[in-house]
Amino acid sequence: MKNMKKIIISGGHFVLLNGEPVINEGTLVSFLFAVDFYIKKRNDGYNVSLSVLINDIGEVCGKSFCSIFDKQPFNRENFLLPKEYIEVLNENELTPESVLIFWEKHVKNRAKKFLRRKVKEGYPFLEKVDALYCKHNSGREIPISRKMIHDKYGSPACLLIMAFFTKEQERLGFNESFNFYYIGPAGGAITTLFALRSLDKFVLLNKV
């Protein structure tokens, strides 16, 4: 191995509705990026793993609120990757078993516990109509949770969930991660966010 540090590469994040994966061109492209990058790093002799984050709570958040579309019970044990993903794996001589699956419900619950603890500790969140925010050193207000009816803490916002996604990767012993996310169309083109996490740093590298 060129480098003994453990690297994880993730892409293809999608949501499950009624137990079925919702795949679009953007999510598939982000999975393709992750697979291509995984193969390159593996062939270069790195200790690398491939993964996907799956939203198994059927919740989608907009700019000002979160909506839950799916409350049906879901059995993770019987889950199979979408056929589109399996085709990509087969084309690259990889197996579904080689993909480590992270479940967003688990990651979100860890983020929610952190949020509750910080609120109780008196962390100076900025409470607004739409969400709780924290203030970055740059002066930027970063959304931490989106307001939800009957829940004073709200639903952890995407940035907090992604932060705990990388924390979960770290908990499993990975030292560095490369995460590809589909963030929606921009000017008619697919825009994928490419982020690197190394130790305690989370850096936006590029948009492709």
Protein backbone atom coordinates (compact mmCIF):
# COMPACT_ATOMS: atom_id res chain seq x y z
CA MET A 1 0.00 0.00 0.00
CA LYS A 2 1.24 3.49 -0.89
CA ASN A 3 -0.30 4.99 2.19
CA MET A 4 -1.65 3.07 5.16
CA LYS A 5 -4.17 5.73 6.14
CA LYS A 6 -7.75 4.61 5.48
CA ILE A 7 -9.60 6.58 2.81
CA ILE A 8 -13.32 6.42 2.08
CA ILE A 9 -15.02 7.70 -1.07
CA SER A 10 -18.76 8.32 -1.12
CA GLY A 11 -21.26 9.26 -3.83
CA GLY A 12 -24.76 8.63 -5.11
CA HIS A 13 -26.71 9.90 -2.08
CA PHE A 14 -30.44 9.33 -2.65
CA VAL A 15 -33.75 9.22 -0.80
CA LEU A 16 -36.06 6.23 -0.24
CA LEU A 17 -39.80 6.84 -0.65
CA ASN A 18 -42.14 3.97 0.19
CA GLY A 19 -39.08 1.77 0.34
CA GLU A 20 -38.07 2.56 -3.25
CA PRO A 21 -34.95 4.53 -4.27
CA VAL A 22 -35.50 7.87 -5.99
CA ILE A 23 -32.69 8.16 -8.53
CA ASN A 24 -32.11 11.01 -10.93
CA GLU A 25 -29.35 11.84 -13.39
CA GLY A 26 -27.47 13.89 -10.82
CA THR A 27 -27.39 11.23 -8.11
CA LEU A 28 -26.24 8.65 -10.64
CA VAL A 29 -23.48 10.96 -11.92
CA SER A 30 -22.21 11.53 -8.38
CA PHE A 31 -22.06 7.74 -7.91
CA LEU A 32 -20.14 7.40 -11.18
CA PHE A 33 -17.65 10.02 -10.00
CA ALA A 34 -17.19 8.17 -6.72
CA VAL A 35 -16.66 4.79 -8.43
CA ASP A 36 -14.17 6.23 -10.93
CA PHE A 37 -12.22 7.96 -8.18
CA TYR A 38 -12.31 4.84 -5.99
CA ILE A 39 -10.85 2.71 -8.80
CA LYS A 40 -8.13 5.27 -9.49
CA LYS A 41 -7.07 5.45 -5.84
CA ARG A 42 -7.23 1.66 -5.46
CA ASN A 43 -5.11 1.13 -8.59
CA ASP A 44 -2.63 3.68 -7.24
CA GLY A 45 -2.15 1.44 -4.21
CA TYR A 46 -4.17 3.29 -1.58
CA ASN A 47 -6.17 1.67 1.23
CA VAL A 48 -9.57 2.85 0.04
CA SER A 49 -13.25 1.98 0.48
CA LEU A 50 -16.39 2.90 -1.48
CA SER A 51 -19.65 4.00 0.17
CA VAL A 52 -23.07 5.53 -0.33
CA LEU A 53 -25.27 7.55 2.05
CA ILE A 54 -28.98 6.68 1.86
CA ASN A 55 -31.81 8.84 3.18
CA ASP A 56 -34.00 6.17 4.80
CA ILE A 57 -36.30 8.61 6.61
CA GLY A 58 -38.12 10.00 3.57
CA GLU A 59 -37.44 13.55 4.67
CA VAL A 60 -36.54 16.34 2.27
CA CYS A 61 -35.60 19.82 3.49
CA GLY A 62 -36.12 23.05 1.62
CA LYS A 63 -34.70 26.44 2.45
CA SER A 64 -37.20 27.12 5.21
CA PHE A 65 -38.73 23.82 6.33
CA CYS A 66 -38.55 20.03 6.18
CA SER A 67 -41.23 17.68 4.91
CA ILE A 68 -41.59 13.98 5.62
CA PHE A 69 -43.10 12.11 2.69
CA ASP A 70 -42.57 8.56 3.83
CA LYS A 71 -43.46 7.09 7.23
CA GLN A 72 -43.64 3.46 6.11
CA PRO A 73 -41.53 0.96 8.09
CA PHE A 74 -38.34 0.03 6.29
CA ASN A 75 -36.18 -3.08 6.73
CA ARG A 76 -32.52 -2.32 6.07
CA GLU A 77 -31.56 -6.02 6.13
CA ASN A 78 -33.45 -6.73 2.91
CA PHE A 79 -32.22 -3.66 1.08
CA LEU A 80 -30.53 -3.93 -2.32
CA LEU A 81 -28.73 -1.13 -4.11
CA PRO A 82 -30.65 0.41 -7.05
CA LYS A 83 -30.26 -1.50 -10.31
CA GLU A 84 -28.61 1.58 -11.89
CA TYR A 85 -25.88 1.44 -9.26
CA ILE A 86 -25.44 -2.33 -9.60
CA GLU A 87 -24.99 -1.88 -13.36
CA VAL A 88 -22.23 0.67 -12.74
CA LEU A 89 -20.54 -1.71 -10.30
CA ASN A 90 -20.79 -4.65 -12.71
CA GLU A 91 -19.31 -2.56 -15.53
CA ASN A 92 -16.32 -1.86 -13.29
CA GLU A 93 -15.98 -5.43 -11.99
CA LEU A 94 -17.14 -4.45 -8.51
CA THR A 95 -19.77 -6.12 -6.35
CA PRO A 96 -22.60 -4.57 -4.28
CA GLU A 97 -20.94 -6.14 -1.23
CA SER A 98 -17.93 -3.88 -1.80
CA VAL A 99 -20.05 -0.79 -1.08
CA LEU A 100 -20.35 0.36 2.53
CA ILE A 101 -23.83 1.75 3.20
CA PHE A 102 -24.46 4.62 5.63
CA TRP A 103 -28.03 5.31 6.74
CA GLU A 104 -29.06 8.93 7.09
CA LYS A 105 -31.51 8.21 9.90
CA HIS A 106 -28.65 7.01 12.09
CA VAL A 107 -26.45 9.98 11.15
CA LYS A 108 -29.31 12.43 11.71
CA ASN A 109 -30.07 11.00 15.16
CA ARG A 110 -26.45 11.56 16.20
CA ALA A 111 -26.66 15.12 14.88
CA LYS A 112 -29.91 15.69 16.80
CA LYS A 113 -28.35 14.53 20.08
CA PHE A 114 -25.47 16.94 19.52
CA LEU A 115 -27.90 19.79 18.81
CA ARG A 116 -29.97 19.11 21.93
CA ARG A 117 -26.83 19.02 24.06
CA LYS A 118 -25.59 22.32 22.68
CA VAL A 119 -28.97 24.00 23.22
CA LYS A 120 -29.04 22.80 26.83
CA GLU A 121 -25.47 24.01 27.34
CA GLY A 122 -26.58 27.46 26.26
CA TYR A 123 -24.70 27.63 22.98
CA PRO A 124 -25.60 31.01 21.40
CA PHE A 125 -27.59 29.80 18.39
CA LEU A 126 -29.43 32.46 16.43
CA GLU A 127 -33.12 31.61 16.43
CA LYS A 128 -35.05 32.86 13.42
CA VAL A 129 -38.41 32.16 11.85
CA ASP A 130 -37.10 29.39 9.60
CA ALA A 131 -34.25 27.79 11.53
CA LEU A 132 -31.54 27.80 14.17
CA TYR A 133 -28.25 29.25 12.98
CA CYS A 134 -24.72 29.40 14.31
CA LYS A 135 -22.39 32.24 13.46
CA HIS A 136 -19.12 31.36 11.76
CA ASN A 137 -15.92 33.28 12.44
CA SER A 138 -16.28 34.82 8.98
CA GLY A 139 -19.60 36.32 10.05
CA ARG A 140 -21.62 33.93 7.93
CA GLU A 141 -24.78 32.55 9.53
CA ILE A 142 -24.89 28.78 9.00
CA PRO A 143 -28.24 26.92 9.27
CA ILE A 144 -28.01 24.15 11.86
CA SER A 145 -31.64 22.99 12.01
CA ARG A 146 -34.88 23.65 10.12
CA LYS A 147 -38.05 24.44 12.02
CA MET A 148 -40.58 21.65 12.46
CA ILE A 149 -44.02 21.72 14.07
CA HIS A 150 -44.06 20.25 17.60
CA ASP A 151 -40.24 20.09 17.81
CA LYS A 152 -38.46 23.07 19.33
CA TYR A 153 -35.07 21.75 18.18
CA GLY A 154 -36.19 21.37 14.58
CA SER A 155 -34.72 18.95 12.05
CA PRO A 156 -30.92 18.96 11.62
CA ALA A 157 -30.07 20.88 8.45
CA CYS A 158 -28.00 19.38 5.65
CA LEU A 159 -24.70 20.91 6.77
CA LEU A 160 -25.05 19.45 10.26
CA ILE A 161 -26.01 16.04 8.86
CA MET A 162 -23.04 16.06 6.49
CA ALA A 163 -20.74 17.05 9.35
CA PHE A 164 -21.93 14.03 11.33
CA PHE A 165 -21.65 11.83 8.25
CA THR A 166 -17.93 12.55 8.21
CA LYS A 167 -17.80 12.05 11.99
CA GLU A 168 -19.36 8.61 11.48
CA GLN A 169 -16.72 7.82 8.86
CA GLU A 170 -14.06 8.87 11.34
CA ARG A 171 -15.64 6.72 14.06
CA LEU A 172 -15.22 3.70 11.77
CA GLY A 173 -11.51 4.37 11.51
CA PHE A 174 -11.23 6.34 8.28
CA ASN A 175 -8.67 9.13 8.22
CA GLU A 176 -9.74 10.90 5.06
CA SER A 177 -12.89 11.04 2.95
CA PHE A 178 -13.88 12.27 -0.47
CA ASN A 179 -17.61 12.88 -0.82
CA PHE A 180 -19.49 13.60 -4.03
CA TYR A 181 -22.94 15.20 -3.62
CA TYR A 182 -25.52 16.16 -6.21
CA ILE A 183 -26.73 19.66 -5.31
CA GLY A 184 -29.17 20.28 -8.13
CA PRO A 185 -29.09 21.72 -11.65
CA ALA A 186 -27.21 24.96 -12.31
CA GLY A 187 -27.85 26.67 -15.61
CA GLY A 188 -29.24 23.47 -17.03
CA ALA A 189 -26.11 21.48 -16.11
CA ILE A 190 -25.64 18.88 -13.41
CA THR A 191 -23.68 20.32 -10.51
CA THR A 192 -21.92 17.97 -8.15
CA LEU A 193 -20.19 19.15 -5.00
CA PHE A 194 -16.81 17.58 -4.38
CA ALA A 195 -15.72 17.84 -0.76
CA LEU A 196 -12.72 16.56 1.10
CA ARG A 197 -12.58 15.82 4.78
CA SER A 198 -9.22 15.23 6.40
CA LEU A 199 -9.06 14.88 10.19
CA ASP A 200 -10.93 17.90 11.58
CA LYS A 201 -10.96 19.89 8.34
CA PHE A 202 -13.90 20.03 5.94
CA VAL A 203 -13.00 21.80 2.72
CA LEU A 204 -14.94 22.48 -0.45
CA LEU A 205 -12.49 21.58 -3.20
CA ASN A 206 -14.37 22.03 -6.43
CA LYS A 207 -17.65 21.98 -8.29
CA VAL A 208 -17.75 19.70 -11.31
